[in-house]
Amino acid sequence: MDMTGERLIAAPREKVWEALNNPEILKQCIPGCETIEKLSDTELKATAAIKLGPIAARFTGNVLLSDLDPPNGYTISGEGQGGVAGFAKGGAQVKLTDEDGGTKLAYTVNAQIGGKMAQLGARLIDSTAKQMAEAFFTKFSAILAPEPDVTETHTTETAHHDDDYDPSNPRVLGLPLGVVIAAVVATIAVALTVLKYVS
């Protein structure tokens, strides 16, 4: 299976690079990511729970980062085992470039899968991979989105009424609810590669 794509992220390249190498941020963004253990600066171990059609499995995988070129990109390689569900192995190249005041993240993934997963068919596997990539980049972009400018305002003393609550814009302690939830869900990274291999 091969998959390529690119995303424009509204953040400077250095900030995107740091986030891609931050296990806490990545774990928030990777669908199904349960644990990530940093074995060295270039090696990680991850566990992810994945549902692919009728098959649900917990994958454990090892990931190796190579061709490190901060803040321009790297190569990811690894493999994951999902018991009777099968296995996945492969690699991904990630390239970062400045574009339109943000960062273009381009990726190419090539992966092999075996076991029961391989019997599901390319259409289901490709569709799941695209959904997982979309979910990852939606969360990743939201986390890196620039903070809105806070302008100084003068207030007069007024009572706060419950009818001031706007359900279309839920906030906790003044922060968008999505940011709060993302921060709570956090922990670590790299199952991205395992998930891409599985997808």
C-alpha atoms as a PDB file:
ATOM      1  CA  MET A   1       0.000   0.000   0.000  1.00  0.00           C
ATOM      2  CA  ASP A   2       1.256   3.463  -0.894  1.00  0.00           C
ATOM      3  CA  MET A   3      -0.168   6.749   0.312  1.00  0.00           C
ATOM      4  CA  THR A   4       0.979  10.297  -0.334  1.00  0.00           C
ATOM      5  CA  GLY A   5      -0.407  13.575   0.829  1.00  0.00           C
ATOM      6  CA  GLU A   6       0.351  17.061   1.965  1.00  0.00           C
ATOM      7  CA  ARG A   7      -1.134  19.517   4.406  1.00  0.00           C
ATOM      8  CA  LEU A   8      -0.713  23.219   4.986  1.00  0.00           C
ATOM      9  CA  ILE A   9      -0.351  23.875   8.701  1.00  0.00           C
ATOM     10  CA  ALA A  10      -0.764  27.417  10.045  1.00  0.00           C
ATOM     11  CA  ALA A  11       2.443  27.413  12.083  1.00  0.00           C
ATOM     12  CA  PRO A  12       6.148  28.087  11.448  1.00  0.00           C
ATOM     13  CA  ARG A  13       8.237  25.137  10.231  1.00  0.00           C
ATOM     14  CA  GLU A  14      10.279  25.006  13.462  1.00  0.00           C
ATOM     15  CA  LYS A  15       7.099  24.750  15.545  1.00  0.00           C
ATOM     16  CA  VAL A  16       5.734  21.978  13.287  1.00  0.00           C
ATOM     17  CA  TRP A  17       9.061  20.117  13.537  1.00  0.00           C
ATOM     18  CA  GLU A  18       9.018  20.348  17.336  1.00  0.00           C
ATOM     19  CA  ALA A  19       5.422  19.090  17.455  1.00  0.00           C
ATOM     20  CA  LEU A  20       6.199  16.142  15.156  1.00  0.00           C
ATOM     21  CA  ASN A  21       8.912  15.143  17.602  1.00  0.00           C
ATOM     22  CA  ASN A  22       6.857  15.724  20.748  1.00  0.00           C
ATOM     23  CA  PRO A  23       5.329  12.463  21.992  1.00  0.00           C
ATOM     24  CA  GLU A  24       2.714  14.307  24.061  1.00  0.00           C
ATOM     25  CA  ILE A  25       1.352  16.190  21.055  1.00  0.00           C
ATOM     26  CA  LEU A  26       1.479  13.218  18.707  1.00  0.00           C
ATOM     27  CA  LYS A  27      -0.377  10.925  21.066  1.00  0.00           C
ATOM     28  CA  GLN A  28      -3.197  13.460  21.209  1.00  0.00           C
ATOM     29  CA  CYS A  29      -3.451  13.410  17.443  1.00  0.00           C
ATOM     30  CA  ILE A  30      -3.023   9.741  16.563  1.00  0.00           C
ATOM     31  CA  PRO A  31      -6.306   7.817  16.493  1.00  0.00           C
ATOM     32  CA  GLY A  32      -6.154   4.814  18.830  1.00  0.00           C
ATOM     33  CA  CYS A  33      -2.695   5.577  20.231  1.00  0.00           C
ATOM     34  CA  GLU A  34      -2.426   4.142  23.742  1.00  0.00           C
ATOM     35  CA  THR A  35       1.252   4.254  24.713  1.00  0.00           C
ATOM     36  CA  ILE A  36       4.575   5.435  23.401  1.00  0.00           C
ATOM     37  CA  GLU A  37       7.902   4.659  24.972  1.00  0.00           C
ATOM     38  CA  LYS A  38      11.002   6.532  23.866  1.00  0.00           C
ATOM     39  CA  LEU A  39      13.812   3.982  23.670  1.00  0.00           C
ATOM     40  CA  SER A  40      16.401   6.471  22.330  1.00  0.00           C
ATOM     41  CA  ASP A  41      16.508   9.753  20.400  1.00  0.00           C
ATOM     42  CA  THR A  42      15.706   7.847  17.209  1.00  0.00           C
ATOM     43  CA  GLU A  43      13.795   4.772  18.394  1.00  0.00           C
ATOM     44  CA  LEU A  44      10.329   4.424  19.884  1.00  0.00           C
ATOM     45  CA  LYS A  45       7.894   1.700  20.838  1.00  0.00           C
ATOM     46  CA  ALA A  46       4.159   2.343  20.490  1.00  0.00           C
ATOM     47  CA  THR A  47       0.862   0.587  21.158  1.00  0.00           C
ATOM     48  CA  ALA A  48      -2.320   1.459  19.288  1.00  0.00           C
ATOM     49  CA  ALA A  49      -5.829   0.002  19.188  1.00  0.00           C
ATOM     50  CA  ILE A  50      -7.123  -0.084  15.638  1.00  0.00           C
ATOM     51  CA  LYS A  51     -10.399  -1.111  14.058  1.00  0.00           C
ATOM     52  CA  LEU A  52     -10.226  -1.959  10.389  1.00  0.00           C
ATOM     53  CA  GLY A  53     -13.622  -3.059   9.112  1.00  0.00           C
ATOM     54  CA  PRO A  54     -14.661  -6.105  11.176  1.00  0.00           C
ATOM     55  CA  ILE A  55     -11.173  -6.546  12.644  1.00  0.00           C
ATOM     56  CA  ALA A  56     -10.168  -4.832  15.878  1.00  0.00           C
ATOM     57  CA  ALA A  57      -6.653  -5.336  17.165  1.00  0.00           C
ATOM     58  CA  ARG A  58      -4.046  -3.878  19.452  1.00  0.00           C
ATOM     59  CA  PHE A  59      -0.780  -3.323  17.633  1.00  0.00           C
ATOM     60  CA  THR A  60       2.631  -3.006  19.204  1.00  0.00           C
ATOM     61  CA  GLY A  61       5.292  -1.570  16.980  1.00  0.00           C
ATOM     62  CA  ASN A  62       8.844  -0.319  16.911  1.00  0.00           C
ATOM     63  CA  VAL A  63       9.652   2.840  14.994  1.00  0.00           C
ATOM     64  CA  LEU A  64      13.046   4.121  13.878  1.00  0.00           C
ATOM     65  CA  LEU A  65      13.689   7.720  12.799  1.00  0.00           C
ATOM     66  CA  SER A  66      16.503   8.257  10.289  1.00  0.00           C
ATOM     67  CA  ASP A  67      17.758  10.811   7.766  1.00  0.00           C
ATOM     68  CA  LEU A  68      17.053  13.482  10.371  1.00  0.00           C
ATOM     69  CA  ASP A  69      17.248  16.963   8.826  1.00  0.00           C
ATOM     70  CA  PRO A  70      15.816  19.388  11.406  1.00  0.00           C
ATOM     71  CA  PRO A  71      13.523  21.253  10.728  1.00  0.00           C
ATOM     72  CA  ASN A  72      13.109  19.965   7.161  1.00  0.00           C
ATOM     73  CA  GLY A  73      12.102  16.318   7.565  1.00  0.00           C
ATOM     74  CA  TYR A  74      13.023  12.736   8.304  1.00  0.00           C
ATOM     75  CA  THR A  75      12.400   9.122   7.354  1.00  0.00           C
ATOM     76  CA  ILE A  76      10.363   6.790   9.546  1.00  0.00           C
ATOM     77  CA  SER A  77      10.579   3.009   9.345  1.00  0.00           C
ATOM     78  CA  GLY A  78       9.044   0.349  11.489  1.00  0.00           C
ATOM     79  CA  GLU A  79       6.836  -2.633  11.951  1.00  0.00           C
ATOM     80  CA  GLY A  80       3.850  -3.528  14.074  1.00  0.00           C
ATOM     81  CA  GLN A  81       2.359  -6.821  15.253  1.00  0.00           C
ATOM     82  CA  GLY A  82      -1.354  -7.254  15.867  1.00  0.00           C
ATOM     83  CA  GLY A  83      -1.534 -10.904  16.852  1.00  0.00           C
ATOM     84  CA  VAL A  84      -3.968 -12.921  14.724  1.00  0.00           C
ATOM     85  CA  ALA A  85      -5.109  -9.715  12.992  1.00  0.00           C
ATOM     86  CA  GLY A  86      -1.765  -9.587  11.228  1.00  0.00           C
ATOM     87  CA  PHE A  87       1.259  -7.377  10.864  1.00  0.00           C
ATOM     88  CA  ALA A  88       2.285  -4.175   9.178  1.00  0.00           C
ATOM     89  CA  LYS A  89       5.693  -2.867   8.159  1.00  0.00           C
ATOM     90  CA  GLY A  90       7.006  -0.100   6.011  1.00  0.00           C
ATOM     91  CA  GLY A  91       8.324   3.431   5.948  1.00  0.00           C
ATOM     92  CA  ALA A  92       7.410   7.059   5.494  1.00  0.00           C
ATOM     93  CA  GLN A  93       9.226  10.167   4.341  1.00  0.00           C
ATOM     94  CA  VAL A  94       8.165  13.477   5.876  1.00  0.00           C
ATOM     95  CA  LYS A  95       9.222  16.815   4.327  1.00  0.00           C
ATOM     96  CA  LEU A  96       8.519  20.283   5.722  1.00  0.00           C
ATOM     97  CA  THR A  97       8.709  23.480   3.659  1.00  0.00           C
ATOM     98  CA  ASP A  98       7.661  27.076   4.249  1.00  0.00           C
ATOM     99  CA  GLU A  99       4.501  28.024   2.357  1.00  0.00           C
ATOM    100  CA  ASP A 100       1.901  30.804   2.577  1.00  0.00           C
ATOM    101  CA  GLY A 101       3.005  31.963   6.020  1.00  0.00           C
ATOM    102  CA  GLY A 102       2.777  28.413   7.377  1.00  0.00           C
ATOM    103  CA  THR A 103       4.330  25.018   6.751  1.00  0.00           C
ATOM    104  CA  LYS A 104       3.584  22.488   4.043  1.00  0.00           C
ATOM    105  CA  LEU A 105       3.953  18.968   5.425  1.00  0.00           C
ATOM    106  CA  ALA A 106       4.325  16.415   2.622  1.00  0.00           C
ATOM    107  CA  TYR A 107       4.430  12.691   3.323  1.00  0.00           C
ATOM    108  CA  THR A 108       4.873   9.463   1.396  1.00  0.00           C
ATOM    109  CA  VAL A 109       4.061   6.145   3.050  1.00  0.00           C
ATOM    110  CA  ASN A 110       4.747   2.670   1.687  1.00  0.00           C
ATOM    111  CA  ALA A 111       3.580  -0.257   3.737  1.00  0.00           C
ATOM    112  CA  GLN A 112       2.939  -3.967   3.606  1.00  0.00           C
ATOM    113  CA  ILE A 113       0.296  -5.723   5.636  1.00  0.00           C
ATOM    114  CA  GLY A 114      -0.287  -9.399   6.234  1.00  0.00           C
ATOM    115  CA  GLY A 115      -2.623 -11.726   8.075  1.00  0.00           C
ATOM    116  CA  LYS A 116      -6.385 -11.202   8.331  1.00  0.00           C
ATOM    117  CA  MET A 117      -6.019  -7.499   7.546  1.00  0.00           C
ATOM    118  CA  ALA A 118      -4.603  -8.239   4.118  1.00  0.00           C
ATOM    119  CA  GLN A 119      -7.795 -10.145   3.260  1.00  0.00           C
ATOM    120  CA  LEU A 120     -10.008  -7.075   3.748  1.00  0.00           C
ATOM    121  CA  GLY A 121      -9.255  -5.523   0.400  1.00  0.00           C
ATOM    122  CA  ALA A 122      -7.431  -2.433  -0.762  1.00  0.00           C
ATOM    123  CA  ARG A 123     -10.517  -0.212  -0.900  1.00  0.00           C
ATOM    124  CA  LEU A 124     -11.339  -0.632   2.813  1.00  0.00           C
ATOM    125  CA  ILE A 125      -7.697  -0.325   3.840  1.00  0.00           C
ATOM    126  CA  ASP A 126      -7.122   2.824   1.743  1.00  0.00           C
ATOM    127  CA  SER A 127     -10.330   4.421   2.987  1.00  0.00           C
ATOM    128  CA  THR A 128      -9.410   3.730   6.626  1.00  0.00           C
ATOM    129  CA  ALA A 129      -5.900   5.104   6.067  1.00  0.00           C
ATOM    130  CA  LYS A 130      -7.299   8.325   4.625  1.00  0.00           C
ATOM    131  CA  GLN A 131      -9.759   8.708   7.516  1.00  0.00           C
ATOM    132  CA  MET A 132      -6.981   8.198  10.052  1.00  0.00           C
ATOM    133  CA  ALA A 133      -4.698  10.673   8.274  1.00  0.00           C
ATOM    134  CA  GLU A 134      -7.536  13.225   8.175  1.00  0.00           C
ATOM    135  CA  ALA A 135      -8.244  12.751  11.898  1.00  0.00           C
ATOM    136  CA  PHE A 136      -4.544  13.123  12.707  1.00  0.00           C
ATOM    137  CA  PHE A 137      -4.044  16.307  10.693  1.00  0.00           C
ATOM    138  CA  THR A 138      -7.260  17.908  11.930  1.00  0.00           C
ATOM    139  CA  LYS A 139      -6.133  17.544  15.556  1.00  0.00           C
ATOM    140  CA  PHE A 140      -2.508  18.373  14.775  1.00  0.00           C
ATOM    141  CA  SER A 141      -3.470  21.582  12.954  1.00  0.00           C
ATOM    142  CA  ALA A 142      -5.840  22.593  15.755  1.00  0.00           C
ATOM    143  CA  ILE A 143      -3.134  22.175  18.376  1.00  0.00           C
ATOM    144  CA  LEU A 144      -0.653  24.242  16.370  1.00  0.00           C
ATOM    145  CA  ALA A 145      -3.142  26.923  15.350  1.00  0.00           C
ATOM    146  CA  PRO A 146      -2.003  30.376  16.391  1.00  0.00           C
ATOM    147  CA  GLU A 147      -3.537  31.796  19.536  1.00  0.00           C
ATOM    148  CA  PRO A 148      -6.033  34.545  18.759  1.00  0.00           C
ATOM    149  CA  ASP A 149      -4.801  38.054  19.545  1.00  0.00           C
ATOM    150  CA  VAL A 150      -6.088  39.214  22.883  1.00  0.00           C
ATOM    151  CA  THR A 151      -6.750  42.917  22.838  1.00  0.00           C
ATOM    152  CA  GLU A 152      -7.032  44.973  25.953  1.00  0.00           C
ATOM    153  CA  THR A 153     -10.620  45.770  26.767  1.00  0.00           C
ATOM    154  CA  HIS A 154     -12.180  47.872  29.447  1.00  0.00           C
ATOM    155  CA  THR A 155     -15.086  46.305  31.225  1.00  0.00           C
ATOM    156  CA  THR A 156     -17.680  47.646  33.503  1.00  0.00           C
ATOM    157  CA  GLU A 157     -19.057  45.641  36.354  1.00  0.00           C
ATOM    158  CA  THR A 158     -21.946  43.601  35.076  1.00  0.00           C
ATOM    159  CA  ALA A 159     -23.516  40.473  36.371  1.00  0.00           C
ATOM    160  CA  HIS A 160     -22.808  37.276  34.443  1.00  0.00           C
ATOM    161  CA  HIS A 161     -25.979  35.583  33.299  1.00  0.00           C
ATOM    162  CA  ASP A 162     -26.299  31.963  32.258  1.00  0.00           C
ATOM    163  CA  ASP A 163     -28.045  33.169  29.124  1.00  0.00           C
ATOM    164  CA  ASP A 164     -24.636  34.579  28.018  1.00  0.00           C
ATOM    165  CA  TYR A 165     -23.526  30.985  27.363  1.00  0.00           C
ATOM    166  CA  ASP A 166     -23.103  30.253  23.669  1.00  0.00           C
ATOM    167  CA  PRO A 167     -23.369  26.471  23.046  1.00  0.00           C
ATOM    168  CA  SER A 168     -21.913  26.905  19.555  1.00  0.00           C
ATOM    169  CA  ASN A 169     -18.668  28.160  21.130  1.00  0.00           C
ATOM    170  CA  PRO A 170     -18.053  26.073  24.280  1.00  0.00           C
ATOM    171  CA  ARG A 171     -15.130  27.278  26.380  1.00  0.00           C
ATOM    172  CA  VAL A 172     -13.426  26.187  29.581  1.00  0.00           C
ATOM    173  CA  LEU A 173     -11.496  28.820  31.515  1.00  0.00           C
ATOM    174  CA  GLY A 174     -11.616  31.024  28.424  1.00  0.00           C
ATOM    175  CA  LEU A 175     -10.060  28.391  26.169  1.00  0.00           C
ATOM    176  CA  PRO A 176     -11.875  26.690  23.296  1.00  0.00           C
ATOM    177  CA  LEU A 177     -13.230  23.362  24.555  1.00  0.00           C
ATOM    178  CA  GLY A 178     -11.369  21.487  21.791  1.00  0.00           C
ATOM    179  CA  VAL A 179      -8.029  22.788  23.072  1.00  0.00           C
ATOM    180  CA  VAL A 180      -8.873  21.732  26.626  1.00  0.00           C
ATOM    181  CA  ILE A 181      -9.990  18.263  25.515  1.00  0.00           C
ATOM    182  CA  ALA A 182      -6.881  17.836  23.353  1.00  0.00           C
ATOM    183  CA  ALA A 183      -4.673  18.782  26.310  1.00  0.00           C
ATOM    184  CA  VAL A 184      -6.441  16.290  28.591  1.00  0.00           C
ATOM    185  CA  VAL A 185      -6.297  13.444  26.060  1.00  0.00           C
ATOM    186  CA  ALA A 186      -2.503  13.901  25.713  1.00  0.00           C
ATOM    187  CA  THR A 187       0.472  11.630  26.363  1.00  0.00           C
ATOM    188  CA  ILE A 188       2.995  10.657  23.630  1.00  0.00           C
ATOM    189  CA  ALA A 189       3.789   9.774  19.902  1.00  0.00           C
ATOM    190  CA  VAL A 190       4.861   7.811  16.873  1.00  0.00           C
ATOM    191  CA  ALA A 191       1.982   5.394  16.603  1.00  0.00           C
ATOM    192  CA  LEU A 192       1.365   7.628  13.594  1.00  0.00           C
ATOM    193  CA  THR A 193       3.779   5.479  11.709  1.00  0.00           C
ATOM    194  CA  VAL A 194       2.332   2.254  13.076  1.00  0.00           C
ATOM    195  CA  LEU A 195      -1.172   3.478  12.242  1.00  0.00           C
ATOM    196  CA  LYS A 196      -0.179   4.443   8.727  1.00  0.00           C
ATOM    197  CA  TYR A 197       1.348   1.022   8.238  1.00  0.00           C
ATOM    198  CA  VAL A 198      -1.776  -0.668   9.512  1.00  0.00           C
ATOM    199  CA  SER A 199      -4.138   1.538   7.545  1.00  0.00           C
END
